[in-house]
N, C-alpha and C. Protein backbone atom coordinates (compact mmCIF):
# COMPACT_ATOMS: atom_id res chain seq x y z
N MET A 1 0.92 -1.19 -0.18
CA MET A 1 -0.09 0.05 -0.02
C MET A 1 0.78 1.31 0.05
N SER A 2 0.39 2.14 -0.71
CA SER A 2 1.17 3.40 -0.71
C SER A 2 1.02 4.49 0.35
N TYR A 3 1.81 5.42 0.47
CA TYR A 3 1.49 6.32 1.57
C TYR A 3 0.17 6.95 1.15
N LEU A 4 -0.08 7.45 -0.19
CA LEU A 4 -1.38 8.24 -0.59
C LEU A 4 -2.51 7.34 -0.23
N ALA A 5 -2.33 6.14 -0.64
CA ALA A 5 -3.60 5.31 -0.52
C ALA A 5 -3.97 5.15 1.18
N LEU A 6 -2.84 5.10 2.08
CA LEU A 6 -2.98 4.90 3.36
C LEU A 6 -3.61 6.44 3.86
N LYS A 7 -3.04 7.25 3.35
CA LYS A 7 -3.66 8.76 3.85
C LYS A 7 -5.24 8.72 3.56
N HIS A 8 -5.61 8.20 2.23
CA HIS A 8 -7.01 8.25 1.82
C HIS A 8 -7.91 7.33 2.66
N LEU A 9 -7.20 6.13 3.14
CA LEU A 9 -7.99 5.35 3.93
C LEU A 9 -8.15 6.08 5.23
N HIS A 10 -7.10 6.77 5.79
CA HIS A 10 -7.23 7.48 7.07
C HIS A 10 -8.21 8.52 6.98
N ILE A 11 -8.25 9.30 5.98
CA ILE A 11 -9.28 10.33 5.78
C ILE A 11 -10.58 9.81 5.56
N SER A 12 -10.83 8.53 4.92
CA SER A 12 -12.32 8.08 5.06
C SER A 12 -12.62 7.64 6.16
N PHE A 13 -11.92 6.83 7.07
CA PHE A 13 -12.08 6.42 8.15
C PHE A 13 -12.34 7.56 9.24
N ALA A 14 -11.70 8.69 9.07
CA ALA A 14 -11.76 9.75 10.19
C ALA A 14 -13.21 10.46 9.91
N ALA A 15 -13.54 10.54 8.40
CA ALA A 15 -14.98 10.98 8.17
C ALA A 15 -16.01 10.06 8.59
N LEU A 16 -15.73 8.64 8.57
CA LEU A 16 -16.78 7.69 9.16
C LEU A 16 -16.97 7.81 10.62
N SER A 17 -15.89 7.73 11.29
CA SER A 17 -15.87 8.16 12.66
C SER A 17 -16.56 9.28 13.21
N GLY A 18 -16.35 10.60 12.40
CA GLY A 18 -17.08 11.73 12.76
C GLY A 18 -18.60 11.55 12.45
N LEU A 19 -18.76 10.83 11.45
CA LEU A 19 -20.34 10.62 11.21
C LEU A 19 -21.05 9.89 12.23
N LEU A 20 -20.24 8.75 12.38
CA LEU A 20 -20.98 7.92 13.45
C LEU A 20 -21.22 8.60 14.90
N PHE A 21 -19.98 9.42 15.26
CA PHE A 21 -20.20 10.21 16.46
C PHE A 21 -21.35 11.06 16.49
N LEU A 22 -21.65 11.84 15.27
CA LEU A 22 -22.72 12.80 15.06
C LEU A 22 -24.00 12.16 15.32
N VAL A 23 -24.18 10.95 14.43
CA VAL A 23 -25.32 9.96 14.54
C VAL A 23 -25.78 9.69 15.99
N ARG A 24 -24.67 9.14 16.76
CA ARG A 24 -24.79 8.66 18.10
C ARG A 24 -25.20 9.79 18.94
N GLY A 25 -24.50 10.99 18.74
CA GLY A 25 -24.70 12.13 19.48
C GLY A 25 -26.19 12.64 19.30
N LEU A 26 -26.66 12.68 18.07
CA LEU A 26 -28.07 13.05 17.90
C LEU A 26 -29.02 11.96 18.36
N GLN A 27 -28.67 10.78 18.48
CA GLN A 27 -29.61 9.76 19.15
C GLN A 27 -29.61 9.98 20.60
N MET A 28 -28.61 10.42 21.19
CA MET A 28 -28.46 10.77 22.67
C MET A 28 -29.52 11.84 22.91
N LEU A 29 -29.34 12.85 22.09
CA LEU A 29 -30.32 14.12 22.39
C LEU A 29 -31.69 13.59 22.14
N ARG A 30 -32.18 12.60 21.57
CA ARG A 30 -33.47 12.42 21.34
C ARG A 30 -33.93 11.56 22.47
N VAL A 31 -33.11 11.01 23.46
CA VAL A 31 -33.50 10.26 24.48
C VAL A 31 -34.19 11.15 25.51
N ARG A 32 -35.56 10.93 25.93
CA ARG A 32 -36.59 11.53 26.68
C ARG A 32 -35.98 11.53 28.26
N ASN A 33 -35.62 10.47 28.75
CA ASN A 33 -35.54 10.29 30.12
C ASN A 33 -34.04 10.71 30.47
N GLY A 34 -33.28 11.14 29.77
CA GLY A 34 -32.02 11.79 30.01
C GLY A 34 -30.92 10.60 30.42
N MET A 35 -31.15 9.30 30.12
CA MET A 35 -30.60 8.31 30.46
C MET A 35 -29.56 8.13 29.13
N PRO A 36 -28.24 7.60 29.36
CA PRO A 36 -27.32 7.19 28.14
C PRO A 36 -27.97 6.14 27.46
N LEU A 37 -27.72 6.11 26.08
CA LEU A 37 -27.90 4.99 25.34
C LEU A 37 -27.21 3.76 25.77
N PRO A 38 -28.00 2.45 25.44
CA PRO A 38 -27.40 1.26 25.73
C PRO A 38 -26.05 1.26 25.02
N ARG A 39 -25.15 0.54 25.50
CA ARG A 39 -23.71 0.33 24.96
C ARG A 39 -23.53 -0.65 23.87
N LYS A 40 -24.40 -1.52 23.72
CA LYS A 40 -23.98 -2.74 23.04
C LYS A 40 -25.04 -2.63 21.59
N ASN A 41 -25.28 -1.59 20.94
CA ASN A 41 -25.86 -1.55 19.60
C ASN A 41 -24.85 -1.58 18.53
N MET A 42 -25.51 -1.78 17.41
CA MET A 42 -24.74 -1.80 16.11
C MET A 42 -23.74 -0.78 15.98
N LEU A 43 -24.38 0.46 16.18
CA LEU A 43 -23.62 1.63 15.98
C LEU A 43 -22.13 1.52 16.86
N ASP A 44 -22.38 1.33 18.09
CA ASP A 44 -21.44 1.20 18.98
C ASP A 44 -20.24 0.18 18.78
N ARG A 45 -20.69 -0.96 18.21
CA ARG A 45 -19.81 -2.02 17.94
C ARG A 45 -19.04 -1.50 16.61
N SER A 46 -19.75 -1.07 15.59
CA SER A 46 -19.06 -0.76 14.45
C SER A 46 -17.93 0.45 14.67
N SER A 47 -18.18 1.38 15.87
CA SER A 47 -17.17 2.47 15.91
C SER A 47 -15.84 1.73 16.43
N TYR A 48 -15.81 0.39 16.97
CA TYR A 48 -14.71 -0.11 17.31
C TYR A 48 -13.73 -0.50 16.29
N VAL A 49 -14.36 -0.98 15.12
CA VAL A 49 -13.71 -1.39 13.81
C VAL A 49 -13.18 -0.11 13.20
N ILE A 50 -14.03 1.06 13.08
CA ILE A 50 -13.81 2.11 12.46
C ILE A 50 -12.51 2.96 13.19
N ASP A 51 -12.51 2.95 14.52
CA ASP A 51 -11.61 3.79 15.32
C ASP A 51 -10.36 2.72 15.15
N THR A 52 -10.41 1.60 15.19
CA THR A 52 -9.30 0.71 15.17
C THR A 52 -8.36 1.03 13.87
N VAL A 53 -9.02 1.03 12.76
CA VAL A 53 -8.53 1.17 11.46
C VAL A 53 -8.13 2.74 11.32
N LEU A 54 -8.81 3.58 11.87
CA LEU A 54 -8.37 4.94 11.89
C LEU A 54 -7.06 5.19 12.70
N LEU A 55 -6.90 4.49 13.96
CA LEU A 55 -5.78 4.55 14.72
C LEU A 55 -4.50 3.91 14.08
N ALA A 56 -4.74 2.64 13.41
CA ALA A 56 -3.76 2.05 12.80
C ALA A 56 -3.14 2.62 11.62
N SER A 57 -4.06 3.25 10.77
CA SER A 57 -3.47 4.04 9.72
C SER A 57 -2.72 5.16 10.05
N ALA A 58 -3.08 5.78 11.19
CA ALA A 58 -2.47 7.15 11.72
C ALA A 58 -1.06 6.63 12.11
N LEU A 59 -1.17 5.58 12.96
CA LEU A 59 0.36 5.20 13.45
C LEU A 59 1.43 4.73 12.19
N THR A 60 0.65 4.10 11.32
CA THR A 60 1.55 3.63 9.96
C THR A 60 2.08 5.01 9.32
N MET A 61 1.25 6.02 9.22
CA MET A 61 1.38 7.25 8.63
C MET A 61 2.65 7.84 9.21
N VAL A 62 2.63 7.80 10.56
CA VAL A 62 3.57 8.48 11.36
C VAL A 62 4.98 7.97 11.24
N VAL A 63 4.84 6.60 11.19
CA VAL A 63 6.08 5.89 10.98
C VAL A 63 6.72 6.06 9.63
N TRP A 64 5.94 5.88 8.52
CA TRP A 64 6.28 5.89 7.05
C TRP A 64 6.56 7.36 6.68
N GLY A 65 5.95 8.32 7.43
CA GLY A 65 6.33 9.68 7.00
C GLY A 65 7.21 10.43 7.89
N ALA A 66 7.79 9.59 8.89
CA ALA A 66 8.85 10.00 9.85
C ALA A 66 8.42 11.37 10.46
N GLN A 67 7.16 11.71 10.79
CA GLN A 67 6.76 12.96 11.44
C GLN A 67 6.22 12.35 12.73
N TYR A 68 6.77 12.64 14.00
CA TYR A 68 6.37 12.18 15.13
C TYR A 68 5.56 13.39 16.12
N PRO A 69 4.69 12.95 16.92
CA PRO A 69 4.03 13.80 17.88
C PRO A 69 5.18 14.37 18.91
N PHE A 70 5.13 15.43 19.23
CA PHE A 70 6.07 15.94 20.04
C PHE A 70 7.33 16.40 19.65
N VAL A 71 7.51 16.17 18.21
CA VAL A 71 8.52 16.68 17.42
C VAL A 71 7.92 17.61 16.40
N VAL A 72 6.93 17.25 15.73
CA VAL A 72 6.19 18.12 14.81
C VAL A 72 5.16 18.81 15.55
N PRO A 73 5.14 20.06 15.43
CA PRO A 73 4.13 20.89 16.11
C PRO A 73 2.57 20.72 15.90
N TRP A 74 2.37 20.58 14.61
CA TRP A 74 0.93 20.36 14.22
C TRP A 74 0.38 19.04 14.53
N LEU A 75 1.18 17.91 14.52
CA LEU A 75 1.06 16.66 14.78
C LEU A 75 0.86 16.59 16.32
N THR A 76 1.56 17.34 17.08
CA THR A 76 1.42 17.48 18.55
C THR A 76 -0.11 17.89 19.03
N ALA A 77 -0.40 19.06 18.25
CA ALA A 77 -1.70 19.52 18.41
C ALA A 77 -2.82 18.77 18.33
N LYS A 78 -2.65 18.00 16.97
CA LYS A 78 -3.64 17.06 16.57
C LYS A 78 -3.66 15.79 17.57
N VAL A 79 -2.68 15.57 17.88
CA VAL A 79 -2.79 14.21 19.15
C VAL A 79 -3.42 14.70 20.53
N ILE A 80 -2.98 15.81 20.95
CA ILE A 80 -3.76 16.25 22.08
C ILE A 80 -5.16 16.62 21.82
N ALA A 81 -5.47 17.13 20.61
CA ALA A 81 -6.99 17.33 20.40
C ALA A 81 -7.69 16.05 20.27
N VAL A 82 -7.15 14.94 19.62
CA VAL A 82 -7.61 13.64 19.65
C VAL A 82 -7.97 13.21 21.11
N VAL A 83 -6.99 13.33 21.95
CA VAL A 83 -7.25 12.82 23.24
C VAL A 83 -8.52 13.63 23.96
N ALA A 84 -8.51 15.09 23.77
CA ALA A 84 -9.42 15.83 24.26
C ALA A 84 -10.88 15.41 23.62
N TYR A 85 -10.75 15.20 22.40
CA TYR A 85 -12.26 14.60 21.66
C TYR A 85 -12.64 13.45 22.38
N ILE A 86 -11.72 12.50 22.49
CA ILE A 86 -12.06 11.09 23.32
C ILE A 86 -12.77 11.28 24.61
N ILE A 87 -12.12 12.06 25.57
CA ILE A 87 -12.58 12.37 26.62
C ILE A 87 -13.87 13.08 26.73
N VAL A 88 -13.99 14.26 25.84
CA VAL A 88 -15.29 15.02 25.91
C VAL A 88 -16.47 14.13 25.21
N GLY A 89 -16.06 13.12 24.22
CA GLY A 89 -16.97 12.48 23.45
C GLY A 89 -17.63 11.47 24.54
N ALA A 90 -16.75 10.87 25.32
CA ALA A 90 -17.27 9.81 26.49
C ALA A 90 -18.19 10.60 27.20
N ILE A 91 -17.87 11.93 27.70
CA ILE A 91 -19.02 12.56 28.44
C ILE A 91 -20.36 12.83 27.79
N ALA A 92 -20.20 13.14 26.59
CA ALA A 92 -21.26 13.25 25.54
C ALA A 92 -22.20 12.10 25.47
N LEU A 93 -21.43 10.91 25.29
CA LEU A 93 -22.32 9.79 24.96
C LEU A 93 -22.58 8.82 26.17
N ARG A 94 -21.71 8.95 27.07
CA ARG A 94 -22.03 7.94 28.27
C ARG A 94 -21.81 8.47 29.74
N ARG A 95 -20.81 9.42 30.06
CA ARG A 95 -20.39 9.77 31.32
C ARG A 95 -21.33 10.94 31.78
N GLY A 96 -21.80 11.67 30.92
CA GLY A 96 -22.39 12.98 31.39
C GLY A 96 -23.67 12.53 32.40
N LYS A 97 -23.98 13.33 33.59
CA LYS A 97 -24.94 12.91 34.48
C LYS A 97 -26.32 13.52 33.96
N THR A 98 -26.23 14.54 33.14
CA THR A 98 -27.70 15.13 32.90
C THR A 98 -27.69 15.45 31.28
N ARG A 99 -28.74 15.46 30.83
CA ARG A 99 -28.83 15.67 29.39
C ARG A 99 -28.24 16.99 28.76
N GLY A 100 -28.18 18.01 29.75
CA GLY A 100 -27.59 19.21 29.52
C GLY A 100 -26.18 19.27 29.31
N VAL A 101 -25.52 18.38 30.24
CA VAL A 101 -24.05 18.14 30.36
C VAL A 101 -23.72 17.56 28.98
N ARG A 102 -24.29 16.27 28.63
CA ARG A 102 -23.91 15.56 27.42
C ARG A 102 -24.17 16.38 26.35
N ALA A 103 -25.15 17.08 26.26
CA ALA A 103 -25.42 18.10 24.98
C ALA A 103 -24.28 19.09 24.74
N GLY A 104 -23.93 19.68 25.88
CA GLY A 104 -22.84 20.63 26.00
C GLY A 104 -21.38 19.92 25.57
N ALA A 105 -21.32 18.72 26.07
CA ALA A 105 -20.10 18.03 25.78
C ALA A 105 -20.25 17.43 24.22
N PHE A 106 -21.33 17.26 23.71
CA PHE A 106 -21.50 16.83 22.31
C PHE A 106 -21.27 18.07 21.36
N VAL A 107 -21.53 19.24 21.71
CA VAL A 107 -21.16 20.44 20.93
C VAL A 107 -19.62 20.57 21.07
N ALA A 108 -19.10 20.54 22.15
CA ALA A 108 -17.64 20.79 22.50
C ALA A 108 -16.71 19.75 21.56
N ALA A 109 -17.32 18.47 21.69
CA ALA A 109 -16.62 17.50 20.91
C ALA A 109 -16.62 17.64 19.39
N LEU A 110 -17.75 18.08 18.79
CA LEU A 110 -18.08 18.53 17.51
C LEU A 110 -16.88 19.66 17.17
N LEU A 111 -16.84 20.53 17.92
CA LEU A 111 -15.97 21.54 17.93
C LEU A 111 -14.50 21.16 17.80
N ILE A 112 -14.07 20.27 18.67
CA ILE A 112 -12.88 19.76 18.65
C ILE A 112 -12.53 18.89 17.36
N PHE A 113 -13.45 18.15 17.17
CA PHE A 113 -13.36 17.34 15.73
C PHE A 113 -13.05 18.28 14.65
N ALA A 114 -13.91 19.47 14.52
CA ALA A 114 -13.57 20.18 13.54
C ALA A 114 -12.06 21.04 13.60
N TYR A 115 -11.45 21.14 14.81
CA TYR A 115 -10.32 21.74 14.97
C TYR A 115 -9.28 20.58 14.35
N ILE A 116 -9.45 19.21 14.80
CA ILE A 116 -8.55 18.22 14.34
C ILE A 116 -8.53 18.20 12.85
N ILE A 117 -9.67 18.44 12.14
CA ILE A 117 -9.64 18.27 10.57
C ILE A 117 -8.88 19.63 10.14
N LYS A 118 -9.16 20.72 10.87
CA LYS A 118 -8.46 22.07 10.33
C LYS A 118 -7.05 21.90 10.56
N VAL A 119 -6.53 21.31 11.68
CA VAL A 119 -5.07 21.13 11.85
C VAL A 119 -4.61 20.20 10.64
N ALA A 120 -5.31 19.08 10.59
CA ALA A 120 -4.72 18.05 9.55
C ALA A 120 -4.72 18.55 8.18
N VAL A 121 -5.55 19.44 7.75
CA VAL A 121 -5.68 19.96 6.54
C VAL A 121 -4.49 21.08 6.30
N THR A 122 -4.50 21.84 7.31
CA THR A 122 -3.54 23.21 7.08
C THR A 122 -2.27 23.04 7.58
N LYS A 123 -1.87 21.71 8.33
CA LYS A 123 -0.81 21.67 9.19
C LYS A 123 -0.23 22.86 9.93
N GLN A 124 -1.23 23.70 10.38
CA GLN A 124 -1.07 24.73 11.26
C GLN A 124 -2.01 24.55 12.60
N VAL A 125 -1.14 24.84 13.68
CA VAL A 125 -1.67 24.80 15.01
C VAL A 125 -2.74 25.78 15.48
N ALA A 126 -2.76 27.01 15.13
CA ALA A 126 -3.71 28.16 15.23
C ALA A 126 -4.77 28.04 14.17
């Protein structure tokens, strides 16, 4: 597989991951009683596969491209933003105690996701 093909795979799975998060977040907002969604539905299981491919392609690109986090500033910002996205996304979909907290975390996670895309496209931190 070429680096370009790997990059396209990574971009495709990033888009799938973001779309899946959006769908799951909208489902969460539709829940009336304020309880988190059950964890073992098909969307949840597919997120494991999508996120695994996304992570594997990212790590492979890092090695093949010899651009490493904590050496390359834009990649460092992206990695930190991904960690923040995971934490805030977990609050949005499962950990938030109230619907309002989950909704706020959902919006914050979407904004972080947009920042990750911006950094990846522009290779600029700010």
